[in-house]
Structure formats: structure tokens, C-alpha cells
PDB file of N, CA and C in Angstrom:
ATOM      1  N   ARG A   1      88.355  76.767 106.689  1.00  0.00           N
ATOM      2  CA  ARG A   1      87.397  76.672 106.984  1.00  0.00           C
ATOM      3  C   ARG A   1      87.575  76.993 105.214  1.00  0.00           C
ATOM      4  N   ILE A   2      87.842  77.638 104.705  1.00  0.00           N
ATOM      5  CA  ILE A   2      88.334  77.722 102.845  1.00  0.00           C
ATOM      6  C   ILE A   2      88.385  76.437 102.430  1.00  0.00           C
ATOM      7  N   VAL A   3      89.616  76.130 102.949  1.00  0.00           N
ATOM      8  CA  VAL A   3      90.186  75.042 101.985  1.00  0.00           C
ATOM      9  C   VAL A   3      89.102  73.944 102.162  1.00  0.00           C
ATOM     10  N   ALA A   4      88.728  73.852 103.082  1.00  0.00           N
ATOM     11  CA  ALA A   4      88.052  72.556 103.708  1.00  0.00           C
ATOM     12  C   ALA A   4      86.742  72.413 102.557  1.00  0.00           C
ATOM     13  N   ARG A   5      86.350  73.976 102.356  1.00  0.00           N
ATOM     14  CA  ARG A   5      84.917  73.266 101.976  1.00  0.00           C
ATOM     15  C   ARG A   5      85.349  73.735 100.258  1.00  0.00           C
ATOM     16  N   PHE A   6      86.390  74.348  99.598  1.00  0.00           N
ATOM     17  CA  PHE A   6      86.891  74.215  98.365  1.00  0.00           C
ATOM     18  C   PHE A   6      87.271  72.529  98.220  1.00  0.00           C
ATOM     19  N   ALA A   7      87.545  71.817  99.203  1.00  0.00           N
ATOM     20  CA  ALA A   7      87.796  70.184  98.962  1.00  0.00           C
ATOM     21  C   ALA A   7      86.552  69.472  98.797  1.00  0.00           C
ATOM     22  N   ALA A   8      85.793  69.942  99.479  1.00  0.00           N
ATOM     23  CA  ALA A   8      84.522  69.308  99.451  1.00  0.00           C
ATOM     24  C   ALA A   8      83.458  69.524  98.441  1.00  0.00           C
ATOM     25  N   GLU A   9      83.298  70.755  97.826  1.00  0.00           N
ATOM     26  CA  GLU A   9      82.768  71.162  96.606  1.00  0.00           C
ATOM     27  C   GLU A   9      83.825  70.483  95.461  1.00  0.00           C
ATOM     28  N   HIS A  10      84.843  70.098  95.520  1.00  0.00           N
ATOM     29  CA  HIS A  10      85.295  69.007  94.045  1.00  0.00           C
ATOM     30  C   HIS A  10      85.510  67.317  94.816  1.00  0.00           C
ATOM     31  N   GLY A  11      84.688  67.316  95.889  1.00  0.00           N
ATOM     32  CA  GLY A  11      84.456  65.918  96.011  1.00  0.00           C
ATOM     33  C   GLY A  11      85.917  65.221  96.989  1.00  0.00           C
ATOM     34  N   THR A  12      86.710  65.748  97.931  1.00  0.00           N
ATOM     35  CA  THR A  12      88.315  65.308  97.909  1.00  0.00           C
ATOM     36  C   THR A  12      87.955  65.866  99.507  1.00  0.00           C
ATOM     37  N   THR A  13      88.999  65.832 100.029  1.00  0.00           N
ATOM     38  CA  THR A  13      89.725  66.687 100.945  1.00  0.00           C
ATOM     39  C   THR A  13      90.838  67.467 101.115  1.00  0.00           C
ATOM     40  N   ALA A  14      91.296  68.156 101.747  1.00  0.00           N
ATOM     41  CA  ALA A  14      92.221  69.365 101.573  1.00  0.00           C
ATOM     42  C   ALA A  14      93.549  68.620 102.067  1.00  0.00           C
ATOM     43  N   GLU A  15      93.751  67.630 102.597  1.00  0.00           N
ATOM     44  CA  GLU A  15      95.005  66.735 102.953  1.00  0.00           C
ATOM     45  C   GLU A  15      94.854  65.946 101.536  1.00  0.00           C
ATOM     46  N   ARG A  16      94.074  65.712 100.862  1.00  0.00           N
ATOM     47  CA  ARG A  16      94.091  65.023  99.494  1.00  0.00           C
ATOM     48  C   ARG A  16      94.641  65.412  98.254  1.00  0.00           C
ATOM     49  N   LEU A  17      94.038  66.830  98.274  1.00  0.00           N
ATOM     50  CA  LEU A  17      94.711  68.050  97.619  1.00  0.00           C
ATOM     51  C   LEU A  17      95.965  68.358  97.992  1.00  0.00           C
ATOM     52  N   SER A  18      96.844  68.587  98.903  1.00  0.00           N
ATOM     53  CA  SER A  18      97.663  68.990  99.584  1.00  0.00           C
ATOM     54  C   SER A  18      97.586  70.534  99.940  1.00  0.00           C
ATOM     55  N   LEU A  19      96.362  70.642 100.241  1.00  0.00           N
ATOM     56  CA  LEU A  19      96.390  72.397 100.818  1.00  0.00           C
ATOM     57  C   LEU A  19      96.207  72.814 101.879  1.00  0.00           C
ATOM     58  N   SER A  20      96.667  74.025 101.902  1.00  0.00           N
ATOM     59  CA  SER A  20      96.555  74.398 103.880  1.00  0.00           C
ATOM     60  C   SER A  20      95.739  75.881 103.610  1.00  0.00           C
ATOM     61  N   ALA A  21      96.002  76.434 104.667  1.00  0.00           N
ATOM     62  CA  ALA A  21      95.120  77.944 104.444  1.00  0.00           C
ATOM     63  C   ALA A  21      96.448  79.012 103.919  1.00  0.00           C
ATOM     64  N   ASP A  22      97.758  78.169 103.954  1.00  0.00           N
ATOM     65  CA  ASP A  22      98.751  78.965 103.577  1.00  0.00           C
ATOM     66  C   ASP A  22      99.182  78.640 102.024  1.00  0.00           C
ATOM     67  N   ASP A  23      98.006  78.002 101.692  1.00  0.00           N
ATOM     68  CA  ASP A  23      98.259  78.064 100.168  1.00  0.00           C
ATOM     69  C   ASP A  23      96.898  78.914  99.545  1.00  0.00           C
ATOM     70  N   VAL A  24      95.973  79.985 100.235  1.00  0.00           N
ATOM     71  CA  VAL A  24      94.656  80.267  99.555  1.00  0.00           C
ATOM     72  C   VAL A  24      95.389  81.956 100.188  1.00  0.00           C
ATOM     73  N   LEU A  25      94.806  82.859  98.923  1.00  0.00           N
ATOM     74  CA  LEU A  25      95.136  84.215  98.976  1.00  0.00           C
ATOM     75  C   LEU A  25      93.570  84.623  98.647  1.00  0.00           C
ATOM     76  N   LEU A  26      92.796  85.437  99.946  1.00  0.00           N
ATOM     77  CA  LEU A  26      91.781  85.847  99.722  1.00  0.00           C
ATOM     78  C   LEU A  26      92.039  87.721  99.120  1.00  0.00           C
ATOM     79  N   THR A  27      91.441  87.796  98.270  1.00  0.00           N
ATOM     80  CA  THR A  27      91.036  89.215  97.812  1.00  0.00           C
ATOM     81  C   THR A  27      90.056  89.865  97.440  1.00  0.00           C
ATOM     82  N   THR A  28      89.785  91.124  97.355  1.00  0.00           N
ATOM     83  CA  THR A  28      88.334  91.502  97.401  1.00  0.00           C
ATOM     84  C   THR A  28      87.678  91.664  95.652  1.00  0.00           C
ATOM     85  N   GLY A  29      88.759  91.218  95.012  1.00  0.00           N
ATOM     86  CA  GLY A  29      88.499  90.834  93.403  1.00  0.00           C
ATOM     87  C   GLY A  29      89.681  90.673  92.608  1.00  0.00           C
ATOM     88  N   SER A  30      89.389  90.375  91.392  1.00  0.00           N
ATOM     89  CA  SER A  30      90.194  89.651  90.436  1.00  0.00           C
ATOM     90  C   SER A  30      91.290  90.885  90.096  1.00  0.00           C
ATOM     91  N   GLN A  31      90.880  92.345  90.404  1.00  0.00           N
ATOM     92  CA  GLN A  31      91.877  93.081  90.146  1.00  0.00           C
ATOM     93  C   GLN A  31      92.761  93.264  91.087  1.00  0.00           C
ATOM     94  N   GLN A  32      91.955  92.999  92.434  1.00  0.00           N
ATOM     95  CA  GLN A  32      93.324  93.125  93.428  1.00  0.00           C
ATOM     96  C   GLN A  32      94.729  91.788  93.709  1.00  0.00           C
ATOM     97  N   ALA A  33      94.031  90.958  92.770  1.00  0.00           N
ATOM     98  CA  ALA A  33      94.491  89.462  93.029  1.00  0.00           C
ATOM     99  C   ALA A  33      95.651  89.755  91.486  1.00  0.00           C
ATOM    100  N   LEU A  34      95.197  90.292  90.310  1.00  0.00           N
ATOM    101  CA  LEU A  34      96.163  90.527  89.328  1.00  0.00           C
ATOM    102  C   LEU A  34      97.225  91.691  89.890  1.00  0.00           C
ATOM    103  N   TYR A  35      97.020  92.870  90.894  1.00  0.00           N
ATOM    104  CA  TYR A  35      97.624  94.154  91.103  1.00  0.00           C
ATOM    105  C   TYR A  35      98.764  93.074  91.840  1.00  0.00           C
ATOM    106  N   LEU A  36      98.491  92.354  92.922  1.00  0.00           N
ATOM    107  CA  LEU A  36      99.040  91.719  93.672  1.00  0.00           C
ATOM    108  C   LEU A  36     100.112  90.459  92.798  1.00  0.00           C
ATOM    109  N   LEU A  37      99.468  89.866  92.066  1.00  0.00           N
ATOM    110  CA  LEU A  37     100.689  89.238  91.408  1.00  0.00           C
ATOM    111  C   LEU A  37     101.648  89.743  90.388  1.00  0.00           C
ATOM    112  N   GLY A  38     101.149  91.155  89.987  1.00  0.00           N
ATOM    113  CA  GLY A  38     102.237  92.239  89.601  1.00  0.00           C
ATOM    114  C   GLY A  38     103.353  92.746  90.033  1.00  0.00           C
ATOM    115  N   GLU A  39     102.878  92.741  91.143  1.00  0.00           N
ATOM    116  CA  GLU A  39     103.577  93.284  92.475  1.00  0.00           C
ATOM    117  C   GLU A  39     104.425  92.291  92.619  1.00  0.00           C
ATOM    118  N   ALA A  40     104.525  91.059  92.981  1.00  0.00           N
ATOM    119  CA  ALA A  40     105.297  89.850  93.292  1.00  0.00           C
ATOM    120  C   ALA A  40     106.332  89.569  92.144  1.00  0.00           C
ATOM    121  N   LEU A  41     105.825  89.345  91.183  1.00  0.00           N
ATOM    122  CA  LEU A  41     106.634  88.822  90.012  1.00  0.00           C
ATOM    123  C   LEU A  41     107.002  90.255  88.968  1.00  0.00           C
ATOM    124  N   CYS A  42     106.657  91.395  89.018  1.00  0.00           N
ATOM    125  CA  CYS A  42     107.574  92.148  88.055  1.00  0.00           C
ATOM    126  C   CYS A  42     108.432  93.240  88.681  1.00  0.00           C
ATOM    127  N   ASP A  43     109.181  93.863  88.125  1.00  0.00           N
ATOM    128  CA  ASP A  43     109.732  95.350  88.550  1.00  0.00           C
ATOM    129  C   ASP A  43     109.568  96.385  87.439  1.00  0.00           C
ATOM    130  N   PRO A  44     109.346  97.343  88.242  1.00  0.00           N
ATOM    131  CA  PRO A  44     109.427  98.664  86.711  1.00  0.00           C
ATOM    132  C   PRO A  44     110.355  98.750  85.947  1.00  0.00           C
ATOM    133  N   GLY A  45     109.952  98.701  84.925  1.00  0.00           N
ATOM    134  CA  GLY A  45     110.774  98.770  83.697  1.00  0.00           C
ATOM    135  C   GLY A  45     110.625  97.362  82.596  1.00  0.00           C
ATOM    136  N   ASP A  46     110.028  96.161  83.435  1.00  0.00           N
ATOM    137  CA  ASP A  46     109.965  95.219  82.583  1.00  0.00           C
ATOM    138  C   ASP A  46     108.602  95.304  81.801  1.00  0.00           C
ATOM    139  N   VAL A  47     109.012  94.266  80.965  1.00  0.00           N
ATOM    140  CA  VAL A  47     108.200  94.041  79.888  1.00  0.00           C
ATOM    141  C   VAL A  47     107.245  92.758  80.140  1.00  0.00           C
ATOM    142  N   VAL A  48     106.186  92.961  79.721  1.00  0.00           N
ATOM    143  CA  VAL A  48     105.099  91.253  79.907  1.00  0.00           C
ATOM    144  C   VAL A  48     104.519  91.599  78.492  1.00  0.00           C
ATOM    145  N   VAL A  49     104.798  89.988  78.195  1.00  0.00           N
ATOM    146  CA  VAL A  49     104.147  89.912  76.428  1.00  0.00           C
ATOM    147  C   VAL A  49     102.479  89.133  77.086  1.00  0.00           C
ATOM    148  N   THR A  50     101.854  89.311  76.364  1.00  0.00           N
ATOM    149  CA  THR A  50     100.556  88.838  76.531  1.00  0.00           C
ATOM    150  C   THR A  50      99.640  88.025  74.802  1.00  0.00           C
ATOM    151  N   GLU A  51      99.326  87.340  75.307  1.00  0.00           N
ATOM    152  CA  GLU A  51      98.271  87.400  73.464  1.00  0.00           C
ATOM    153  C   GLU A  51      97.627  88.336  73.463  1.00  0.00           C
ATOM    154  N   GLY A  52      97.193  88.679  72.473  1.00  0.00           N
ATOM    155  CA  GLY A  52      96.162  89.166  71.953  1.00  0.00           C
ATOM    156  C   GLY A  52      94.907  89.104  70.969  1.00  0.00           C
ATOM    157  N   PRO A  53      94.026  89.218  71.241  1.00  0.00           N
ATOM    158  CA  PRO A  53      93.203  90.397  72.692  1.00  0.00           C
ATOM    159  C   PRO A  53      93.484  89.699  73.670  1.00  0.00           C
ATOM    160  N   SER A  54      93.766  90.539  74.443  1.00  0.00           N
ATOM    161  CA  SER A  54      94.375  89.858  75.972  1.00  0.00           C
ATOM    162  C   SER A  54      93.283  91.042  77.202  1.00  0.00           C
ATOM    163  N   TYR A  55      93.599  90.788  78.224  1.00  0.00           N
ATOM    164  CA  TYR A  55      92.565  90.881  79.364  1.00  0.00           C
ATOM    165  C   TYR A  55      93.024  92.111  79.439  1.00  0.00           C
ATOM    166  N   PHE A  56      92.532  93.496  78.808  1.00  0.00           N
ATOM    167  CA  PHE A  56      93.046  94.934  78.642  1.00  0.00           C
ATOM    168  C   PHE A  56      92.951  95.660  80.051  1.00  0.00           C
ATOM    169  N   VAL A  57      92.537  95.030  81.623  1.00  0.00           N
ATOM    170  CA  VAL A  57      91.984  95.464  82.885  1.00  0.00           C
ATOM    171  C   VAL A  57      93.785  94.940  83.348  1.00  0.00           C
ATOM    172  N   TYR A  58      94.185  94.196  82.904  1.00  0.00           N
ATOM    173  CA  TYR A  58      95.225  93.313  83.361  1.00  0.00           C
ATOM    174  C   TYR A  58      96.597  94.764  83.138  1.00  0.00           C
ATOM    175  N   HIS A  59      96.511  94.892  81.746  1.00  0.00           N
ATOM    176  CA  HIS A  59      97.633  95.659  81.145  1.00  0.00           C
ATOM    177  C   HIS A  59      97.682  96.795  81.920  1.00  0.00           C
ATOM    178  N   GLY A  60      96.569  97.516  82.246  1.00  0.00           N
ATOM    179  CA  GLY A  60      96.226  98.619  83.132  1.00  0.00           C
ATOM    180  C   GLY A  60      96.849  98.758  84.326  1.00  0.00           C
ATOM    181  N   VAL A  61      96.362  97.246  85.251  1.00  0.00           N
ATOM    182  CA  VAL A  61      97.210  97.222  86.181  1.00  0.00           C
ATOM    183  C   VAL A  61      98.489  97.037  86.255  1.00  0.00           C
ATOM    184  N   LEU A  62      99.530  96.535  85.370  1.00  0.00           N
ATOM    185  CA  LEU A  62     100.684  96.150  85.202  1.00  0.00           C
ATOM    186  C   LEU A  62     101.420  97.727  84.580  1.00  0.00           C
ATOM    187  N   GLU A  63     100.346  98.349  84.359  1.00  0.00           N
ATOM    188  CA  GLU A  63     101.122  99.730  83.907  1.00  0.00           C
ATOM    189  C   GLU A  63     100.963 100.804  84.768  1.00  0.00           C
ATOM    190  N   SER A  64     100.292 100.295  85.730  1.00  0.00           N
ATOM    191  CA  SER A  64     100.234 101.637  86.517  1.00  0.00           C
ATOM    192  C   SER A  64     101.076 101.328  87.846  1.00  0.00           C
ATOM    193  N   GLN A  65     101.817  99.765  87.463  1.00  0.00           N
ATOM    194  CA  GLN A  65     102.998  99.645  88.399  1.00  0.00           C
ATOM    195  C   GLN A  65     104.361 100.047  87.537  1.00  0.00           C
ATOM    196  N   GLY A  66     104.452 100.288  86.871  1.00  0.00           N
ATOM    197  CA  GLY A  66     105.556 100.987  86.201  1.00  0.00           C
ATOM    198  C   GLY A  66     106.447  99.756  84.606  1.00  0.00           C
ATOM    199  N   VAL A  67     105.228  98.507  84.563  1.00  0.00           N
ATOM    200  CA  VAL A  67     105.494  97.478  83.593  1.00  0.00           C
ATOM    201  C   VAL A  67     104.886  98.028  82.343  1.00  0.00           C
ATOM    202  N   ARG A  68     105.803  97.860  81.353  1.00  0.00           N
ATOM    203  CA  ARG A  68     104.976  97.533  80.284  1.00  0.00           C
ATOM    204  C   ARG A  68     104.621  96.659  79.361  1.00  0.00           C
ATOM    205  N   THR A  69     103.583  96.535  78.913  1.00  0.00           N
ATOM    206  CA  THR A  69     102.815  95.692  78.266  1.00  0.00           C
ATOM    207  C   THR A  69     103.173  95.713  76.706  1.00  0.00           C
ATOM    208  N   ARG A  70     102.802  94.244  76.205  1.00  0.00           N
ATOM    209  CA  ARG A  70     103.279  94.365  74.743  1.00  0.00           C
ATOM    210  C   ARG A  70     102.098  93.099  74.190  1.00  0.00           C
ATOM    211  N   SER A  71     101.214  93.138  73.503  1.00  0.00           N
ATOM    212  CA  SER A  71     100.291  92.269  73.236  1.00  0.00           C
ATOM    213  C   SER A  71     100.401  91.746  71.922  1.00  0.00           C
ATOM    214  N   VAL A  72     100.607  90.337  71.718  1.00  0.00           N
ATOM    215  CA  VAL A  72     101.099  90.031  70.413  1.00  0.00           C
ATOM    216  C   VAL A  72      99.558  89.002  69.834  1.00  0.00           C
ATOM    217  N   PRO A  73      99.647  88.996  68.710  1.00  0.00           N
ATOM    218  CA  PRO A  73      98.493  88.540  67.718  1.00  0.00           C
ATOM    219  C   PRO A  73      98.195  87.383  67.690  1.00  0.00           C
ATOM    220  N   MET A  74      97.858  86.615  68.032  1.00  0.00           N
ATOM    221  CA  MET A  74      98.132  85.029  67.707  1.00  0.00           C
ATOM    222  C   MET A  74      97.315  84.420  66.596  1.00  0.00           C
ATOM    223  N   ASP A  75      97.541  83.289  66.235  1.00  0.00           N
ATOM    224  CA  ASP A  75      96.951  82.611  64.923  1.00  0.00           C
ATOM    225  C   ASP A  75      96.681  81.043  65.171  1.00  0.00           C
ATOM    226  N   ALA A  76      96.485  79.913  64.466  1.00  0.00           N
ATOM    227  CA  ALA A  76      96.148  78.971  64.582  1.00  0.00           C
ATOM    228  C   ALA A  76      97.115  78.144  65.267  1.00  0.00           C
ATOM    229  N   GLY A  77      98.751  78.491  65.513  1.00  0.00           N
ATOM    230  CA  GLY A  77      99.430  78.033  65.547  1.00  0.00           C
ATOM    231  C   GLY A  77      99.424  78.480  67.087  1.00  0.00           C
ATOM    232  N   GLY A  78      99.355  79.350  67.635  1.00  0.00           N
ATOM    233  CA  GLY A  78      99.935  80.390  68.677  1.00  0.00           C
ATOM    234  C   GLY A  78     100.202  81.541  68.695  1.00  0.00           C
ATOM    235  N   MET A  79     100.901  81.970  69.492  1.00  0.00           N
ATOM    236  CA  MET A  79     101.565  83.002  69.752  1.00  0.00           C
ATOM    237  C   MET A  79     102.552  83.588  68.332  1.00  0.00           C
ATOM    238  N   ARG A  80     102.162  84.664  67.743  1.00  0.00           N
ATOM    239  CA  ARG A  80     103.296  84.875  66.268  1.00  0.00           C
ATOM    240  C   ARG A  80     104.234  85.588  66.550  1.00  0.00           C
ATOM    241  N   LEU A  81     105.301  84.891  66.996  1.00  0.00           N
ATOM    242  CA  LEU A  81     106.466  85.346  67.007  1.00  0.00           C
ATOM    243  C   LEU A  81     107.194  86.228  66.402  1.00  0.00           C
ATOM    244  N   ASP A  82     106.627  85.813  65.043  1.00  0.00           N
ATOM    245  CA  ASP A  82     107.463  87.514  64.355  1.00  0.00           C
ATOM    246  C   ASP A  82     106.819  88.523  64.410  1.00  0.00           C
ATOM    247  N   ALA A  83     105.914  89.120  65.051  1.00  0.00           N
ATOM    248  CA  ALA A  83     105.280  90.065  65.629  1.00  0.00           C
ATOM    249  C   ALA A  83     106.275  90.728  67.059  1.00  0.00           C
ATOM    250  N   LEU A  84     106.992  90.108  67.373  1.00  0.00           N
ATOM    251  CA  LEU A  84     107.594  90.254  68.449  1.00  0.00           C
ATOM    252  C   LEU A  84     108.693  91.432  68.106  1.00  0.00           C
ATOM    253  N   GLY A  85     109.129  91.323  67.066  1.00  0.00           N
ATOM    254  CA  GLY A  85     110.198  92.273  66.178  1.00  0.00           C
ATOM    255  C   GLY A  85     109.336  93.550  65.735  1.00  0.00           C
TER     256      GLY A  85
END
């Protein structure tokens, strides 16, 4: 029902979107979704580079999983790669 409702709200069908119930992840909130994402993609000791400023809550979630975060400032051209060094 969730997929059908999502599709209907976007004026289409689940089939046209190629979505099924297997494509849906329900969480109690964004922080749980971010935690699950970090758990799936990162290992303790990994370093995740984010743009600065960044969503500080996600840094806390990652750090609770043993992942180090590095916020890199942005300018008009995007992430300042010179700030990584």
C-alpha cells in the first residue's frame, strides 16, 4: 500500500516507477535511517568526508559506529579539495 500511495501522489503507478515493497525501508525517523545507512556502508575506522557545513547529527551517528568524519569547506566551485590535506 505504501508504494501504491507514493506512486499515486506522484501521478503514476508503482509499475511505471518499477517499485515494489522490497524497495521500501520504513524507519521511526531520519536518524534511524541514517544509522542503518552508516551500518550498511561503513566499517569502524572508515573516514567519511562531508561538505561543511554538514548535518551534524549524521556525524554523531557515524562516530557512534566508530567511523571518523571529516567536514571539508565548500566554495563556489564545490568541495575545497585543498582542505583535505
